[in-house]
Amino acid sequence: MNDLVGRYFDAAIAHLQRVREEEADTIEAAAALLAEAMAEGRRVFTFGAGHSALPAQDVVYRAGGLVPVNLLNVPGVAGVTVMPAPLSSALERVSGLATATLDLTPATTGDLLFVISLSGRQVMPVELARYARDRGLKVVGVTSLAYPEEVSSAHPTGTYLKDHCDVVLDSKIAVGDGELTHPGAETTFGPVSTIVTSALMQAVVASAVGRLADRAASGECPAPPLFRSGNVPGGTEWNAKQMAENAERVFYTH
């Protein structure tokens, strides 16, 4: 195997192992909030700007995922779907976009919002987390706590995403998000943030599903509303039924 390939996989595996061990308690804390929101019929939203949108999307409308999880889609900032691509980075620094988007959803007191931002320093994730909590939502932040130690906040308050959350999941990603070096390359490369952050999000969902399934097995509540793959027999019909039964909490079909 190419040495850089091996080094990349080693770095990704080491990061996954580290968050598995060091974030076990916060994963369970976030899962408890998600399971509670599901059991109480609350609404659940995820948000990420730029490449942080990828882990946010990874738990929305997918096989094995919880049906009532919705992407808070702020136009122009989800991944690299806008052209020119640098516009998405510029929009993340603009005040009011994310909060206006949240205002246009039915989100209310007791609902749950996951805000994903690797650095946790830009205007949009900080503002969104603050505003959501002011409106009575529970907020789970997924970020790297290495950034506040080394990089100043871009928000006027000087605060970071971590300062406005009920639970913070630390991805442990180093500043710069590059695990590899090469004598002929002028900067680091080989980011693992998407892998690690997606794993954190899926771990939270897995634990929440387990909590709900335990309660369902004892007759306390219905089975957790989960999607099946649309590529297996009956999957499409199953998913349509699940979305219909949870229509009041599903916004990605509108």
Protein backbone atom coordinates (compact mmCIF):
# COMPACT_ATOMS: atom_id res chain seq x y z
CA MET A 1 0.00 0.00 0.00
CA ASN A 2 1.19 3.51 -0.80
CA ASP A 3 2.70 5.02 2.34
CA LEU A 4 0.43 8.08 2.22
CA VAL A 5 -2.64 5.88 1.83
CA GLY A 6 -1.63 3.84 4.86
CA ARG A 7 -0.87 6.96 6.87
CA TYR A 8 -4.25 8.43 5.98
CA PHE A 9 -6.16 5.34 7.08
CA ASP A 10 -4.07 5.16 10.27
CA ALA A 11 -4.91 8.79 11.07
CA ALA A 12 -8.62 8.27 10.46
CA ILE A 13 -8.73 5.11 12.57
CA ALA A 14 -6.77 6.76 15.39
CA HIS A 15 -9.18 9.70 15.44
CA LEU A 16 -12.20 7.43 15.46
CA GLN A 17 -10.76 5.42 18.32
CA ARG A 18 -9.98 8.58 20.27
CA VAL A 19 -13.47 10.06 19.98
CA ARG A 20 -14.97 6.65 20.77
CA GLU A 21 -13.09 6.60 24.08
CA GLU A 22 -12.98 10.27 25.06
CA GLU A 23 -16.44 11.36 23.87
CA ALA A 24 -18.42 8.37 25.18
CA ASP A 25 -20.21 10.43 27.83
CA THR A 26 -21.08 13.34 25.55
CA ILE A 27 -22.30 10.97 22.84
CA GLU A 28 -24.68 9.45 25.38
CA ALA A 29 -25.77 12.90 26.57
CA ALA A 30 -26.59 13.94 23.01
CA ALA A 31 -28.34 10.62 22.39
CA ALA A 32 -30.49 11.15 25.47
CA LEU A 33 -31.64 14.52 24.11
CA LEU A 34 -32.38 12.98 20.70
CA ALA A 35 -34.29 10.04 22.17
CA GLU A 36 -36.29 12.39 24.40
CA ALA A 37 -37.16 14.60 21.44
CA MET A 38 -38.29 11.58 19.45
CA ALA A 39 -40.36 10.14 22.28
CA GLU A 40 -42.04 13.48 22.98
CA GLY A 41 -42.93 14.15 19.35
CA ARG A 42 -40.53 17.07 19.06
CA ARG A 43 -38.93 18.37 15.89
CA VAL A 44 -35.25 17.69 15.17
CA PHE A 45 -33.01 19.72 12.88
CA THR A 46 -29.39 19.52 11.75
CA PHE A 47 -27.23 22.31 10.34
CA GLY A 48 -23.75 22.64 8.95
CA ALA A 49 -22.12 25.15 6.62
CA GLY A 50 -19.58 24.32 3.94
CA HIS A 51 -18.22 20.80 4.30
CA SER A 52 -19.76 20.64 7.77
CA ALA A 53 -23.05 20.29 5.90
CA LEU A 54 -22.04 16.76 4.87
CA PRO A 55 -22.36 15.19 8.37
CA ALA A 56 -25.56 17.19 8.89
CA GLN A 57 -27.03 15.68 5.72
CA ASP A 58 -25.75 12.21 6.56
CA VAL A 59 -28.45 11.64 9.20
CA VAL A 60 -31.35 13.02 7.14
CA TYR A 61 -33.63 10.88 4.93
CA ARG A 62 -31.42 7.81 4.74
CA ALA A 63 -31.68 4.08 5.29
CA GLY A 64 -31.30 3.22 8.96
CA GLY A 65 -31.94 6.82 9.98
CA LEU A 66 -34.65 8.35 12.12
CA VAL A 67 -37.49 9.67 10.00
CA PRO A 68 -38.21 12.97 11.83
CA VAL A 69 -34.69 14.45 11.39
CA ASN A 70 -34.61 17.49 9.10
CA LEU A 71 -31.84 19.48 7.44
CA LEU A 72 -31.94 23.19 8.22
CA ASN A 73 -30.97 24.24 4.72
CA VAL A 74 -29.70 27.81 4.62
CA PRO A 75 -29.49 28.69 0.91
CA GLY A 76 -25.96 28.92 -0.42
CA VAL A 77 -24.07 27.42 2.52
CA ALA A 78 -24.73 23.67 2.32
CA GLY A 79 -21.53 22.17 0.93
CA VAL A 80 -20.28 23.37 -2.45
CA THR A 81 -23.63 23.52 -4.22
CA VAL A 82 -23.42 27.26 -4.89
CA MET A 83 -21.20 28.78 -7.57
CA PRO A 84 -18.77 30.37 -7.22
CA ALA A 85 -17.89 27.98 -4.38
CA PRO A 86 -16.13 30.63 -2.22
CA LEU A 87 -19.52 32.35 -1.87
CA SER A 88 -20.55 29.67 0.63
CA SER A 89 -17.61 30.66 2.85
CA ALA A 90 -18.52 34.33 2.54
CA LEU A 91 -22.15 33.67 3.44
CA GLU A 92 -21.09 31.92 6.63
CA ARG A 93 -19.81 35.29 7.83
CA VAL A 94 -23.13 37.08 7.18
CA SER A 95 -25.37 37.73 10.15
CA GLY A 96 -29.08 36.92 10.02
CA LEU A 97 -29.27 34.23 7.33
CA ALA A 98 -29.43 31.20 9.59
CA THR A 99 -31.71 32.79 12.16
CA ALA A 100 -34.13 33.95 9.45
CA THR A 101 -34.17 30.40 8.09
CA LEU A 102 -34.93 28.99 11.53
CA ASP A 103 -37.76 31.50 11.91
CA LEU A 104 -39.36 30.09 8.76
CA THR A 105 -39.57 26.59 10.24
CA PRO A 106 -42.07 25.46 12.90
CA ALA A 107 -39.19 25.03 15.38
CA THR A 108 -40.30 25.81 18.90
CA THR A 109 -39.47 25.33 22.59
CA GLY A 110 -38.32 21.82 23.34
CA ASP A 111 -37.21 20.99 19.80
CA LEU A 112 -33.64 19.87 19.13
CA LEU A 113 -30.99 21.35 16.83
CA PHE A 114 -27.59 19.90 15.94
CA VAL A 115 -25.14 22.60 14.83
CA ILE A 116 -22.01 21.28 13.13
CA SER A 117 -18.97 23.52 12.63
CA LEU A 118 -15.39 22.29 12.67
CA SER A 119 -13.91 25.55 13.92
CA GLY A 120 -17.02 26.79 15.74
CA ARG A 121 -15.79 30.35 15.21
CA GLN A 122 -17.76 31.72 12.28
CA VAL A 123 -20.73 34.08 12.60
CA MET A 124 -23.41 31.72 11.30
CA PRO A 125 -23.02 28.69 13.63
CA VAL A 126 -22.45 30.85 16.69
CA GLU A 127 -25.42 33.08 15.94
CA LEU A 128 -27.66 30.14 15.12
CA ALA A 129 -26.85 28.28 18.33
CA ARG A 130 -27.40 31.40 20.46
CA TYR A 131 -30.68 32.21 18.77
CA ALA A 132 -32.00 28.66 18.94
CA ARG A 133 -31.38 28.49 22.68
CA ASP A 134 -33.03 31.89 23.13
CA ARG A 135 -36.08 30.38 21.43
CA GLY A 136 -36.07 27.44 23.83
CA LEU A 137 -34.53 24.78 21.60
CA LYS A 138 -31.99 22.31 22.88
CA VAL A 139 -28.69 22.61 21.00
CA VAL A 140 -26.01 19.99 20.41
CA GLY A 141 -22.79 21.38 18.97
CA VAL A 142 -20.35 19.22 17.02
CA THR A 143 -17.01 20.99 16.74
CA SER A 144 -13.29 20.78 17.44
CA LEU A 145 -12.30 22.30 20.75
CA ALA A 146 -8.77 22.70 19.45
CA TYR A 147 -9.82 25.80 17.51
CA PRO A 148 -10.87 28.05 20.42
CA GLU A 149 -7.47 27.40 21.96
CA GLU A 150 -5.60 28.65 18.90
CA VAL A 151 -7.88 30.73 16.65
CA SER A 152 -9.91 33.81 17.56
CA SER A 153 -13.67 33.93 17.12
CA ALA A 154 -15.11 35.73 14.10
CA HIS A 155 -18.34 36.48 15.97
CA PRO A 156 -18.71 40.02 17.43
CA THR A 157 -19.19 38.59 20.94
CA GLY A 158 -15.89 36.74 20.78
CA THR A 159 -17.69 33.51 21.65
CA TYR A 160 -17.66 30.14 19.90
CA LEU A 161 -20.22 27.49 19.10
CA LYS A 162 -19.18 25.59 22.21
CA ASP A 163 -20.36 28.47 24.39
CA HIS A 164 -24.00 28.19 23.27
CA CYS A 165 -24.80 24.48 23.47
CA ASP A 166 -26.45 22.09 25.89
CA VAL A 167 -24.05 19.35 24.80
CA VAL A 168 -20.75 19.68 22.92
CA LEU A 169 -19.27 16.80 20.93
CA ASP A 170 -15.55 17.34 20.36
CA SER A 171 -14.21 15.89 17.10
CA LYS A 172 -10.61 16.38 18.30
CA ILE A 173 -9.55 17.56 14.83
CA ALA A 174 -6.37 19.64 14.83
CA VAL A 175 -6.41 23.21 13.53
CA GLY A 176 -5.98 23.13 9.77
CA ASP A 177 -7.73 19.78 9.28
CA GLY A 178 -4.85 18.03 7.52
CA GLU A 179 -3.32 14.79 8.78
CA LEU A 180 -0.58 14.33 6.17
CA THR A 181 2.59 16.13 5.09
CA HIS A 182 5.00 15.72 2.21
CA PRO A 183 8.29 17.49 1.49
CA GLY A 184 6.95 18.63 -1.86
CA ALA A 185 3.61 19.92 -0.53
CA GLU A 186 3.44 23.38 0.98
CA THR A 187 0.62 22.65 3.41
CA THR A 188 -0.97 19.72 5.20
CA PHE A 189 -3.53 17.55 3.43
CA GLY A 190 -5.64 14.44 4.05
CA PRO A 191 -8.52 15.79 6.19
CA VAL A 192 -10.46 13.35 8.40
CA SER A 193 -13.01 15.79 9.84
CA THR A 194 -15.91 14.58 7.69
CA ILE A 195 -15.28 10.93 8.60
CA VAL A 196 -15.00 11.65 12.31
CA THR A 197 -17.92 14.08 12.50
CA SER A 198 -20.21 11.77 10.54
CA ALA A 199 -19.24 8.94 12.87
CA LEU A 200 -20.12 11.08 15.88
CA MET A 201 -23.52 11.91 14.41
CA GLN A 202 -24.26 8.29 13.51
CA ALA A 203 -23.15 7.14 16.97
CA VAL A 204 -25.60 9.56 18.56
CA VAL A 205 -28.40 8.26 16.34
CA ALA A 206 -27.48 4.62 17.07
CA SER A 207 -27.59 5.19 20.82
CA ALA A 208 -30.87 7.11 20.59
CA VAL A 209 -32.44 4.32 18.52
CA GLY A 210 -31.28 1.80 21.11
CA ARG A 211 -32.85 3.83 23.91
CA LEU A 212 -36.14 4.09 22.03
CA ALA A 213 -36.10 0.41 21.06
CA ASP A 214 -35.56 -0.59 24.70
CA ARG A 215 -38.59 1.46 25.70
CA ALA A 216 -40.62 0.00 22.83
CA ALA A 217 -39.70 -3.53 23.87
CA SER A 218 -41.09 -2.85 27.34
CA GLY A 219 -44.27 -1.29 25.93
CA GLU A 220 -43.49 2.26 27.00
CA CYS A 221 -43.56 3.78 23.52
CA PRO A 222 -43.86 2.83 19.83
CA ALA A 223 -40.88 1.47 17.91
CA PRO A 224 -38.45 4.15 16.72
CA PRO A 225 -39.45 5.52 13.29
CA LEU A 226 -36.67 4.31 10.99
CA PHE A 227 -36.13 4.36 7.26
CA ARG A 228 -35.44 1.22 5.28
CA SER A 229 -33.35 1.13 2.13
CA GLY A 230 -35.34 1.99 -0.95
CA ASN A 231 -33.30 -0.64 -2.76
CA VAL A 232 -34.82 -3.61 -0.92
CA PRO A 233 -38.27 -5.07 -1.62
CA GLY A 234 -40.98 -3.06 0.10
CA GLY A 235 -38.56 -0.34 1.19
CA THR A 236 -40.21 2.47 -0.74
CA GLU A 237 -43.65 1.58 0.61
CA TRP A 238 -42.30 1.28 4.15
CA ASN A 239 -40.67 4.70 3.94
CA ALA A 240 -43.79 6.36 2.53
CA LYS A 241 -45.78 4.96 5.47
CA GLN A 242 -43.20 6.19 7.97
CA MET A 243 -43.16 9.68 6.50
CA ALA A 244 -46.96 9.83 6.46
CA GLU A 245 -47.14 8.78 10.11
CA ASN A 246 -44.60 11.45 11.06
CA ALA A 247 -45.82 14.12 8.64
CA GLU A 248 -46.07 16.81 11.30
CA ARG A 249 -42.35 16.48 12.00
CA VAL A 250 -41.09 15.94 8.44
CA PHE A 251 -40.20 19.04 6.39
CA TYR A 252 -37.97 17.65 3.64
CA THR A 253 -40.95 16.49 1.57
CA HIS A 254 -42.48 19.97 1.19
